[in-house]
């Protein structure tokens, strides 16, 4: 059972992915961690890094190929992928998109900031929106229109975390995933908005 979780920045996808992995003895894999490490190696924040690599697919392709290979190497194991694009590269996964009100997302990130993020909620909100646009444009440029992670038709489950706790979101994802793997045709698409 493989689950790929993506979503809006600040939606809580990383928190939820880690919860699912811990609660259900799954391997946790995050491409965001790899991206932050690469940005730090260059001495820049994640938004700047995204802009730097916008015209050079080399870094993305390294991460994407690694994601695909990790999925293939662990076919028989339970895995949770916390990644903007794992749904596109990891074969045979239950694809989840976590949405959230952008203002709520900025407030959440502001409470638990990462190094290099703006201190102001307003600036943070703008950075999250800018980063989303830069990433989306880069993925479409490199991989085509089918790589639009904002296209909700790409997912088996769309869940809104605005008014749900991380525990509620994690439980709903796991339940929907189990139903999907029990009967993929009957449970191919679900929206919890």
Foldseek 3Di string as FASTA:
>chain_A
DEEEEAEAQLLCRVVLLVVLCVVPVAAEAEVVVVQQVVCVVVPHGSLVSLVVCLPPCPVVVVSLVVLQVVLVVQVVTYHYYHYLQSLPRHPDHQYEYEYEDLLNSLVNCLVVPDPPADNDSVSNSVSSVSSLVSVQSSQCVVPNPVRRSVPPVSHLEYEYRHPPDSVVVSVVVVVLRVVCVVPVVVRRHDYHD
